[in-house]
Amino acid sequence: MTFRERLDRYWFEPARVRDLACLRIAIVFVLLADALWPGGLAQQLRLTLLPDEWFVPIPAFKLLMLPFGWGARPGAAMIVGAWMLAGVAGICAIVGAHTRWSLTIFAAANTFLLAHFYSYGTLRHPEAAATIVLWMLIATPSGGEISVDAMRARVAESRRRERFAPGAEVMSRDARWPLRTAQWLLVLVYLSAALSKITVGKAAWMNGYTMSYYLLLDGTGNQLPMSVALAHVHWITIAFAAVALIFELTFVVCVLWPRALPAYLTTGVGLHTGIWLFMRAPFFQLVGMYAAFAEPLRGEWRRVSGHERSEARVWTLVYDGYCPLCIRTMTQLDVLDGGRRLRFVDLERESARAQALVPRLSPEAMREQMAVVTPEGRVLRGFYAFREVSRRLPMLWALVPLMYAPGSEWVGTRVYAWVAANRARRLCTPSRGLLRACGN
């Protein structure tokens, strides 16, 4: 294999679009949380009250404000508008509704707010690195998985075909390079921070007193007694300084050698969490960028644990393949099933297999309520089947507490029965000859 082929494989070998979608969700979430964090808008509005001499717009902000004049300064109304726009577009980008447009609008609004903040003399690299990744995601198929767009496209395809077909893993050459770029951007950010410590602080960074100073400064300023206490334990401050410097200098190791990923990412999460707890410095944008390591981390987990997806862990859903509501529901569950924990059996087209899985139920009974066969062979039906399936799909975990709340079984079973009893009248098309299969 030539060097050019190796380079092409490294950057453009097809990768899972689902991993890219996870990066989209993580990046937008951390940037949106930073923008909407309590006090963030108030801080931006206070900046608009400062004298004009304090306002030194950076080039990016001048470009964004170009329609209003080169170097124009925004007012409070424009800041509030951008903040509200960032909130709405950010939520749409997370759920993947009109993904490319929502990413573009959120990136513009978020960059506007950050560039406005930077124009008063404060530059912070965590937001900048995550914002670069955000703009990069606009040019990628990140909305092809874990998104409203993907769900809508799959449902439309099932409706057109008038049957459900499980989807294959979505792969794309355009999914690899954004993940690689985010990984190497993290390397540059950490290396920049380490070189700054070495060139500016020199040996003073490792003597422990520099760390003690920052712990005392942030501890007293933010009223953190634990930080003040730790600042007086010299060996702890030396250890903190050494761990931070070594981690930043050698982070490139986990990019080149994936076996080191678990140790480095665990250290990174602990390091940034500790910085927040003891110094109130938010670096969680960098933690969000760790989502770019989903594929190598997954491979390392399988190597260490010896864990592979087994048919013994599969949950099997038996559904009415001639009912549009059932087809749509199976399509939606398949889209949400990132771990491929579910298998689907069409009662009408695979009747022998369905009867073998659930021998005690007649086809008429299975048409009335969806049946789920657990890996242990236990059969669940209707509301109880959907509730157990929801526990296996992370995207539906928010619904699980509601389905286990007091009175939920009484309500859930009756709502399910009502929908099942009325679906033929509401959802089936007589001209296509589906009424018999839908229960009439």
Protein backbone atom coordinates (compact mmCIF):
# COMPACT_ATOMS: atom_id res chain seq x y z
CA MET A 1 0.00 0.00 0.00
CA THR A 2 1.43 3.37 -1.04
CA PHE A 3 1.70 6.37 1.25
CA ARG A 4 -1.09 8.09 -0.65
CA GLU A 5 -3.38 5.09 -0.20
CA ARG A 6 -2.58 4.95 3.51
CA LEU A 7 -3.35 8.65 3.82
CA ASP A 8 -6.63 8.24 1.96
CA ARG A 9 -7.58 5.30 4.15
CA TYR A 10 -6.71 7.18 7.34
CA TRP A 11 -8.84 10.23 6.49
CA PHE A 12 -11.53 8.90 4.16
CA GLU A 13 -12.18 5.24 4.91
CA PRO A 14 -15.99 4.88 5.34
CA ALA A 15 -17.03 5.35 8.96
CA ARG A 16 -20.32 5.08 10.83
CA VAL A 17 -22.53 8.11 10.36
CA ARG A 18 -23.94 7.34 13.81
CA ASP A 19 -20.55 8.18 15.35
CA LEU A 20 -20.58 11.49 13.49
CA ALA A 21 -24.11 12.14 14.76
CA CYS A 22 -22.92 11.53 18.33
CA LEU A 23 -20.20 14.15 17.79
CA ARG A 24 -22.86 16.56 16.48
CA ILE A 25 -25.02 16.07 19.56
CA ALA A 26 -22.08 16.38 21.97
CA ILE A 27 -20.62 19.53 20.38
CA VAL A 28 -23.94 21.34 20.06
CA PHE A 29 -24.94 20.35 23.60
CA VAL A 30 -21.80 21.70 25.29
CA LEU A 31 -21.82 24.92 23.27
CA LEU A 32 -25.55 25.43 23.83
CA ALA A 33 -25.15 24.79 27.56
CA ASP A 34 -22.35 27.35 27.66
CA ALA A 35 -24.47 29.93 25.81
CA LEU A 36 -27.58 29.35 27.94
CA TRP A 37 -25.74 28.94 31.25
CA PRO A 38 -27.32 31.12 33.96
CA GLY A 39 -25.63 34.50 33.94
CA GLY A 40 -24.24 34.15 30.43
CA LEU A 41 -26.72 36.51 28.80
CA ALA A 42 -26.39 39.01 31.65
CA GLN A 43 -22.61 39.00 31.18
CA GLN A 44 -23.01 39.68 27.45
CA LEU A 45 -25.41 42.55 28.17
CA ARG A 46 -23.01 44.07 30.69
CA LEU A 47 -20.35 44.18 27.99
CA THR A 48 -22.60 46.36 25.81
CA LEU A 49 -22.59 48.98 28.59
CA LEU A 50 -18.80 49.34 28.65
CA PRO A 51 -17.15 52.38 27.01
CA ASP A 52 -16.36 52.12 23.30
CA GLU A 53 -12.64 52.19 24.09
CA TRP A 54 -12.98 48.72 25.60
CA PHE A 55 -14.49 47.27 22.43
CA VAL A 56 -11.80 45.93 20.09
CA PRO A 57 -13.63 43.66 17.61
CA ILE A 58 -11.75 40.64 16.38
CA PRO A 59 -11.75 39.97 12.58
CA ALA A 60 -14.41 37.25 12.80
CA PHE A 61 -16.78 39.61 14.59
CA LYS A 62 -16.16 42.34 12.03
CA LEU A 63 -17.17 39.93 9.28
CA LEU A 64 -20.35 38.94 11.11
CA MET A 65 -21.24 42.59 11.65
CA LEU A 66 -20.34 43.62 8.09
CA PRO A 67 -24.00 44.30 7.08
CA PHE A 68 -24.08 46.94 9.84
CA GLY A 69 -20.68 48.43 9.05
CA TRP A 70 -17.06 47.35 9.43
CA GLY A 71 -16.28 47.20 13.15
CA ALA A 72 -19.86 48.08 14.20
CA ARG A 73 -20.78 47.44 17.82
CA PRO A 74 -24.02 45.54 18.56
CA GLY A 75 -26.64 46.77 20.97
CA ALA A 76 -28.44 44.86 23.70
CA ALA A 77 -31.38 43.98 21.43
CA MET A 78 -29.10 42.30 18.90
CA ILE A 79 -27.36 40.32 21.64
CA VAL A 80 -30.69 39.08 23.03
CA GLY A 81 -31.87 38.17 19.54
CA ALA A 82 -28.72 36.17 18.82
CA TRP A 83 -29.02 34.44 22.19
CA MET A 84 -32.63 33.40 21.50
CA LEU A 85 -31.75 32.29 17.98
CA ALA A 86 -28.88 30.19 19.31
CA GLY A 87 -31.23 28.50 21.78
CA VAL A 88 -33.86 27.54 19.20
CA ALA A 89 -31.38 26.51 16.49
CA GLY A 90 -29.26 24.60 19.01
CA ILE A 91 -32.18 22.46 20.15
CA CYS A 92 -33.11 21.75 16.52
CA ALA A 93 -29.49 20.79 15.78
CA ILE A 94 -29.37 18.39 18.73
CA VAL A 95 -32.53 16.54 17.69
CA GLY A 96 -31.55 16.76 14.03
CA ALA A 97 -34.50 18.72 12.69
CA HIS A 98 -33.47 20.30 9.36
CA THR A 99 -29.98 19.46 10.56
CA ARG A 100 -27.82 21.34 8.08
CA TRP A 101 -29.82 24.56 8.35
CA SER A 102 -30.11 24.40 12.13
CA LEU A 103 -26.37 23.74 12.44
CA THR A 104 -25.61 26.71 10.21
CA ILE A 105 -27.88 29.07 12.14
CA PHE A 106 -26.63 27.85 15.51
CA ALA A 107 -22.99 28.12 14.40
CA ALA A 108 -23.53 31.70 13.22
CA ALA A 109 -25.39 32.78 16.37
CA ASN A 110 -22.98 31.03 18.72
CA THR A 111 -19.94 32.43 16.91
CA PHE A 112 -21.50 35.89 17.08
CA LEU A 113 -21.88 35.64 20.87
CA LEU A 114 -18.38 34.22 21.39
CA ALA A 115 -16.74 36.74 19.07
CA HIS A 116 -18.55 39.55 20.87
CA PHE A 117 -17.19 38.24 24.18
CA TYR A 118 -13.69 37.88 22.71
CA SER A 119 -13.82 41.47 21.42
CA TYR A 120 -13.36 42.73 24.97
CA GLY A 121 -9.96 41.15 25.42
CA THR A 122 -10.73 37.66 26.72
CA LEU A 123 -9.80 34.68 24.53
CA ARG A 124 -10.57 31.13 25.67
CA HIS A 125 -9.56 28.15 23.56
CA PRO A 126 -12.19 25.53 24.63
CA GLU A 127 -15.07 27.36 22.97
CA ALA A 128 -12.94 28.20 19.93
CA ALA A 129 -11.95 24.57 19.28
CA ALA A 130 -15.51 23.29 19.67
CA THR A 131 -16.80 26.09 17.41
CA ILE A 132 -14.36 25.06 14.66
CA VAL A 133 -15.75 21.52 14.86
CA LEU A 134 -19.29 22.93 14.80
CA TRP A 135 -18.69 24.79 11.54
CA MET A 136 -17.02 21.71 10.10
CA LEU A 137 -20.07 19.54 10.86
CA ILE A 138 -22.20 21.65 8.51
CA ALA A 139 -20.37 20.11 5.55
CA THR A 140 -20.88 16.52 6.78
CA PRO A 141 -23.79 14.03 6.79
CA SER A 142 -24.15 14.31 10.58
CA GLY A 143 -27.93 14.44 10.25
CA GLY A 144 -28.03 11.03 8.59
CA GLU A 145 -28.43 9.23 11.94
CA ILE A 146 -29.97 9.95 15.36
CA SER A 147 -32.04 12.75 13.92
CA VAL A 148 -35.57 13.77 13.11
CA ASP A 149 -34.45 14.05 9.49
CA ALA A 150 -33.30 10.42 9.40
CA MET A 151 -36.47 9.27 11.14
CA ARG A 152 -38.64 11.18 8.68
CA ALA A 153 -36.78 9.77 5.68
CA ARG A 154 -37.01 6.18 6.91
CA VAL A 155 -40.72 6.47 7.72
CA ALA A 156 -41.41 7.96 4.29
CA GLU A 157 -39.52 5.10 2.65
CA SER A 158 -41.50 2.50 4.62
CA ARG A 159 -44.75 4.21 3.69
CA ARG A 160 -43.78 4.22 0.03
CA ARG A 161 -42.82 0.54 0.08
CA GLU A 162 -45.84 -0.35 2.26
CA ARG A 163 -43.67 -2.59 4.41
CA PHE A 164 -40.93 -2.33 7.00
CA ALA A 165 -37.37 -3.38 6.27
CA PRO A 166 -34.63 -3.10 8.94
CA GLY A 167 -32.05 -0.50 8.01
CA ALA A 168 -28.40 -1.27 7.45
CA GLU A 169 -25.56 0.54 9.20
CA VAL A 170 -25.09 3.89 7.43
CA MET A 171 -21.46 4.37 6.38
CA SER A 172 -19.87 7.32 4.60
CA ARG A 173 -16.45 8.51 3.49
CA ASP A 174 -17.49 11.96 4.66
CA ALA A 175 -17.88 10.68 8.23
CA ARG A 176 -14.22 9.77 8.79
CA TRP A 177 -12.39 13.05 8.19
CA PRO A 178 -14.46 15.18 10.65
CA LEU A 179 -13.78 12.67 13.42
CA ARG A 180 -10.05 12.62 12.64
CA THR A 181 -9.94 16.41 12.46
CA ALA A 182 -11.59 16.75 15.86
CA GLN A 183 -9.08 14.29 17.34
CA TRP A 184 -6.07 16.18 16.01
CA LEU A 185 -7.59 19.50 17.00
CA LEU A 186 -7.68 18.22 20.58
CA VAL A 187 -4.01 17.29 20.27
CA LEU A 188 -3.17 20.84 19.17
CA VAL A 189 -5.24 22.43 21.94
CA TYR A 190 -3.61 20.34 24.66
CA LEU A 191 -0.13 20.74 23.18
CA SER A 192 -0.62 24.51 23.00
CA ALA A 193 -1.63 24.59 26.66
CA ALA A 194 1.39 22.48 27.65
CA LEU A 195 3.86 24.59 25.66
CA SER A 196 2.39 27.72 27.24
CA LYS A 197 3.07 26.28 30.69
CA ILE A 198 6.63 25.38 29.70
CA THR A 199 7.57 28.61 27.90
CA VAL A 200 5.76 31.07 30.17
CA GLY A 201 5.83 29.38 33.55
CA LYS A 202 9.01 27.38 32.96
CA ALA A 203 10.10 25.50 36.09
CA ALA A 204 7.72 27.54 38.23
CA TRP A 205 4.80 25.49 36.93
CA MET A 206 6.18 22.31 38.50
CA ASN A 207 7.11 23.73 41.89
CA GLY A 208 3.52 23.51 43.12
CA TYR A 209 3.26 27.14 44.17
CA THR A 210 1.80 28.23 40.83
CA MET A 211 -1.02 25.71 41.26
CA SER A 212 -1.46 26.84 44.86
CA TYR A 213 -1.81 30.42 43.65
CA TYR A 214 -4.57 29.54 41.19
CA LEU A 215 -6.38 27.39 43.75
CA LEU A 216 -6.28 30.26 46.26
CA LEU A 217 -7.30 32.82 43.65
CA ASP A 218 -10.28 30.85 42.32
CA GLY A 219 -11.15 29.37 45.69
CA THR A 220 -11.49 32.74 47.41
CA GLY A 221 -13.12 34.38 44.41
CA ASN A 222 -15.76 31.65 44.07
CA GLN A 223 -16.04 30.84 47.78
CA LEU A 224 -14.70 27.28 47.50
CA PRO A 225 -13.32 26.19 50.90
CA MET A 226 -12.02 22.88 49.54
CA SER A 227 -9.88 24.69 46.96
CA VAL A 228 -8.36 26.89 49.65
CA ALA A 229 -7.63 23.82 51.77
CA LEU A 230 -5.96 21.95 48.90
CA ALA A 231 -3.81 24.98 48.10
CA HIS A 232 -2.07 24.50 51.45
CA VAL A 233 -1.13 20.85 50.77
CA HIS A 234 2.07 21.23 48.78
CA TRP A 235 2.47 17.67 47.50
CA ILE A 236 -1.09 17.70 46.11
CA THR A 237 -0.46 20.88 44.13
CA ILE A 238 2.75 19.40 42.72
CA ALA A 239 0.85 16.25 41.71
CA PHE A 240 -1.93 18.29 40.07
CA ALA A 241 0.61 20.33 38.10
CA ALA A 242 2.53 17.24 36.96
CA VAL A 243 -0.58 15.31 35.88
CA ALA A 244 -1.92 18.28 33.90
CA LEU A 245 1.39 18.87 32.09
CA ILE A 246 2.05 15.21 31.29
CA PHE A 247 -1.52 14.70 30.08
CA GLU A 248 -1.38 17.70 27.75
CA LEU A 249 2.08 16.92 26.39
CA THR A 250 1.36 13.28 25.63
CA PHE A 251 -2.30 13.35 24.55
CA VAL A 252 -1.15 12.59 21.00
CA VAL A 253 -0.30 9.07 22.20
CA CYS A 254 -3.97 8.06 22.44
CA VAL A 255 -4.59 9.26 18.87
CA LEU A 256 -1.68 7.25 17.47
CA TRP A 257 -2.12 4.27 19.82
CA PRO A 258 -5.83 3.60 20.55
CA ARG A 259 -5.06 1.15 23.36
CA ALA A 260 -4.21 4.16 25.52
CA LEU A 261 -7.62 5.77 24.89
CA PRO A 262 -9.46 4.55 28.02
CA ALA A 263 -6.71 5.82 30.32
CA TYR A 264 -6.39 9.19 28.58
CA LEU A 265 -10.10 9.91 28.23
CA THR A 266 -10.76 8.90 31.84
CA THR A 267 -7.92 11.17 32.95
CA GLY A 268 -9.25 13.98 30.77
CA VAL A 269 -12.77 13.76 32.17
CA GLY A 270 -11.40 13.66 35.71
CA LEU A 271 -9.01 16.55 35.04
CA HIS A 272 -11.66 18.85 33.57
CA THR A 273 -14.18 17.91 36.24
CA GLY A 274 -11.62 18.71 38.93
CA ILE A 275 -10.81 22.04 37.30
CA TRP A 276 -14.51 22.90 37.40
CA LEU A 277 -15.01 21.76 40.98
CA PHE A 278 -11.94 23.50 42.40
CA MET A 279 -11.49 26.47 40.06
CA ARG A 280 -14.87 26.94 38.37
CA ALA A 281 -13.15 26.99 34.98
CA PRO A 282 -15.46 25.32 32.41
CA PHE A 283 -13.53 23.20 29.92
CA PHE A 284 -16.38 20.81 29.14
CA GLN A 285 -16.29 21.82 25.47
CA LEU A 286 -13.13 19.72 25.22
CA VAL A 287 -14.87 16.80 26.92
CA GLY A 288 -17.64 17.09 24.32
CA MET A 289 -15.01 16.68 21.61
CA TYR A 290 -14.09 13.29 23.12
CA ALA A 291 -17.13 11.96 21.20
CA ALA A 292 -14.83 11.92 18.16
CA PHE A 293 -13.15 8.85 19.69
CA ALA A 294 -16.33 6.73 19.68
CA GLU A 295 -15.11 4.23 17.08
CA PRO A 296 -11.62 3.46 18.49
CA LEU A 297 -13.00 3.44 22.02
CA ARG A 298 -15.69 0.94 21.01
CA GLY A 299 -13.07 -1.25 19.37
CA GLU A 300 -10.86 -1.10 22.45
CA TRP A 301 -13.79 -2.03 24.69
CA ARG A 302 -14.51 -5.10 22.57
CA ARG A 303 -10.84 -6.08 22.59
CA VAL A 304 -10.47 -5.84 26.36
CA SER A 305 -13.82 -7.32 27.36
CA GLY A 306 -14.07 -9.85 24.56
CA HIS A 307 -17.65 -8.65 24.20
CA GLU A 308 -19.38 -9.09 20.87
CA ARG A 309 -23.03 -8.66 20.09
CA SER A 310 -24.67 -12.03 20.62
CA GLU A 311 -27.93 -13.35 19.29
CA ALA A 312 -28.66 -14.45 22.86
CA ARG A 313 -29.04 -10.78 23.83
CA VAL A 314 -31.51 -9.94 21.07
CA TRP A 315 -35.11 -8.90 21.72
CA THR A 316 -37.53 -10.02 19.01
CA LEU A 317 -40.60 -7.97 18.08
CA VAL A 318 -43.51 -9.66 16.31
CA TYR A 319 -45.64 -7.08 14.52
CA ASP A 320 -48.50 -6.84 12.04
CA GLY A 321 -46.76 -6.21 8.73
CA TYR A 322 -49.89 -4.99 6.95
CA CYS A 323 -50.76 -2.21 9.39
CA PRO A 324 -49.31 1.24 8.59
CA LEU A 325 -49.15 2.20 12.27
CA CYS A 326 -47.15 -0.93 13.10
CA ILE A 327 -44.86 -0.39 10.12
CA ARG A 328 -44.19 3.18 11.20
CA THR A 329 -43.56 2.14 14.82
CA MET A 330 -41.10 -0.60 13.82
CA THR A 331 -39.29 1.84 11.55
CA GLN A 332 -38.94 4.37 14.36
CA LEU A 333 -37.71 1.73 16.82
CA ASP A 334 -35.17 0.49 14.27
CA VAL A 335 -33.83 4.03 13.76
CA LEU A 336 -33.43 4.44 17.53
CA ASP A 337 -31.78 1.04 17.97
CA GLY A 338 -28.13 2.03 17.69
CA GLY A 339 -26.92 -1.05 19.54
CA ARG A 340 -28.87 -3.39 17.27
CA ARG A 341 -30.58 -5.05 20.22
CA LEU A 342 -33.85 -5.58 18.35
CA ARG A 343 -34.95 -8.08 15.70
CA PHE A 344 -38.24 -7.87 13.84
CA VAL A 345 -40.59 -10.59 12.62
CA ASP A 346 -43.44 -9.77 10.23
CA LEU A 347 -46.50 -11.71 11.35
CA GLU A 348 -48.07 -11.68 7.88
CA ARG A 349 -44.99 -12.48 5.77
CA GLU A 350 -43.13 -14.67 8.31
CA SER A 351 -46.09 -16.39 9.95
CA ALA A 352 -44.28 -19.70 10.54
CA ARG A 353 -41.39 -17.99 12.32
CA ALA A 354 -43.78 -15.83 14.35
CA GLN A 355 -45.81 -18.87 15.42
CA ALA A 356 -42.63 -20.70 16.42
CA LEU A 357 -41.54 -17.76 18.58
CA VAL A 358 -44.94 -17.34 20.25
CA PRO A 359 -46.70 -20.72 19.97
CA ARG A 360 -49.30 -19.96 22.64
CA LEU A 361 -50.75 -16.95 20.82
CA SER A 362 -52.96 -17.11 17.78
CA PRO A 363 -52.27 -14.84 14.79
CA GLU A 364 -55.43 -12.88 15.64
CA ALA A 365 -54.15 -12.22 19.16
CA MET A 366 -50.78 -11.07 17.83
CA ARG A 367 -52.49 -8.71 15.41
CA GLU A 368 -54.33 -7.08 18.30
CA GLN A 369 -51.17 -6.33 20.31
CA MET A 370 -47.47 -6.25 19.49
CA ALA A 371 -45.56 -9.16 21.03
CA VAL A 372 -41.97 -9.05 22.27
CA VAL A 373 -39.88 -12.13 23.01
CA THR A 374 -37.09 -11.48 25.52
CA PRO A 375 -33.67 -13.18 25.26
CA GLU A 376 -34.87 -15.57 27.98
CA GLY A 377 -37.95 -16.53 25.95
CA ARG A 378 -40.50 -14.60 28.01
CA VAL A 379 -43.35 -13.07 25.99
CA LEU A 380 -44.60 -9.52 26.64
CA ARG A 381 -47.48 -7.83 24.86
CA GLY A 382 -48.87 -4.38 24.20
CA PHE A 383 -47.95 -1.63 26.64
CA TYR A 384 -45.67 -3.91 28.67
CA ALA A 385 -43.77 -4.88 25.52
CA PHE A 386 -43.21 -1.27 24.52
CA ARG A 387 -42.12 -0.36 28.05
CA GLU A 388 -39.46 -3.06 28.16
CA VAL A 389 -38.23 -2.21 24.67
CA SER A 390 -37.88 1.43 25.73
CA ARG A 391 -35.53 0.38 28.51
CA ARG A 392 -33.18 -1.08 25.89
CA LEU A 393 -33.06 2.05 23.72
CA PRO A 394 -31.11 4.98 25.25
CA MET A 395 -33.01 7.49 23.12
CA LEU A 396 -36.24 6.47 24.90
CA TRP A 397 -34.91 6.40 28.46
CA ALA A 398 -36.59 9.72 29.21
CA LEU A 399 -39.98 7.98 28.82
CA VAL A 400 -39.19 5.03 31.09
CA PRO A 401 -39.82 6.80 34.45
CA LEU A 402 -43.22 7.93 33.15
CA MET A 403 -44.15 4.38 32.16
CA TYR A 404 -43.26 3.11 35.65
CA ALA A 405 -44.96 5.94 37.54
CA PRO A 406 -48.00 5.15 39.72
CA GLY A 407 -51.06 4.71 37.54
CA SER A 408 -49.06 4.45 34.32
CA GLU A 409 -50.02 0.81 33.74
CA TRP A 410 -53.72 1.61 34.08
CA VAL A 411 -53.45 4.50 31.62
CA GLY A 412 -50.93 2.85 29.28
CA THR A 413 -52.83 -0.41 28.77
CA ARG A 414 -56.06 1.43 28.03
CA VAL A 415 -54.46 3.90 25.63
CA TYR A 416 -52.71 1.05 23.82
CA ALA A 417 -55.95 -0.94 23.61
CA TRP A 418 -57.83 2.09 22.25
CA VAL A 419 -55.21 2.72 19.55
CA ALA A 420 -55.14 -0.97 18.61
CA ALA A 421 -58.93 -1.09 18.36
CA ASN A 422 -59.16 2.02 16.19
CA ARG A 423 -56.07 1.73 14.00
CA ALA A 424 -57.87 -0.06 11.16
CA ARG A 425 -60.41 2.72 10.80
CA ARG A 426 -57.88 5.50 11.25
CA LEU A 427 -54.76 4.19 9.61
CA CYS A 428 -55.53 1.54 6.97
CA THR A 429 -56.38 2.18 3.33
CA PRO A 430 -59.35 0.19 1.96
CA SER A 431 -58.21 0.63 -1.66
CA ARG A 432 -55.02 -1.30 -0.92
CA GLY A 433 -56.81 -4.29 0.55
CA LEU A 434 -55.26 -4.00 3.99
CA LEU A 435 -58.41 -3.95 6.13
CA ARG A 436 -58.43 -7.67 6.82
CA ALA A 437 -54.80 -7.72 7.92
CA CYS A 438 -55.30 -4.72 10.18
CA GLY A 439 -57.97 -6.45 12.17
CA ASN A 440 -61.28 -6.04 10.27
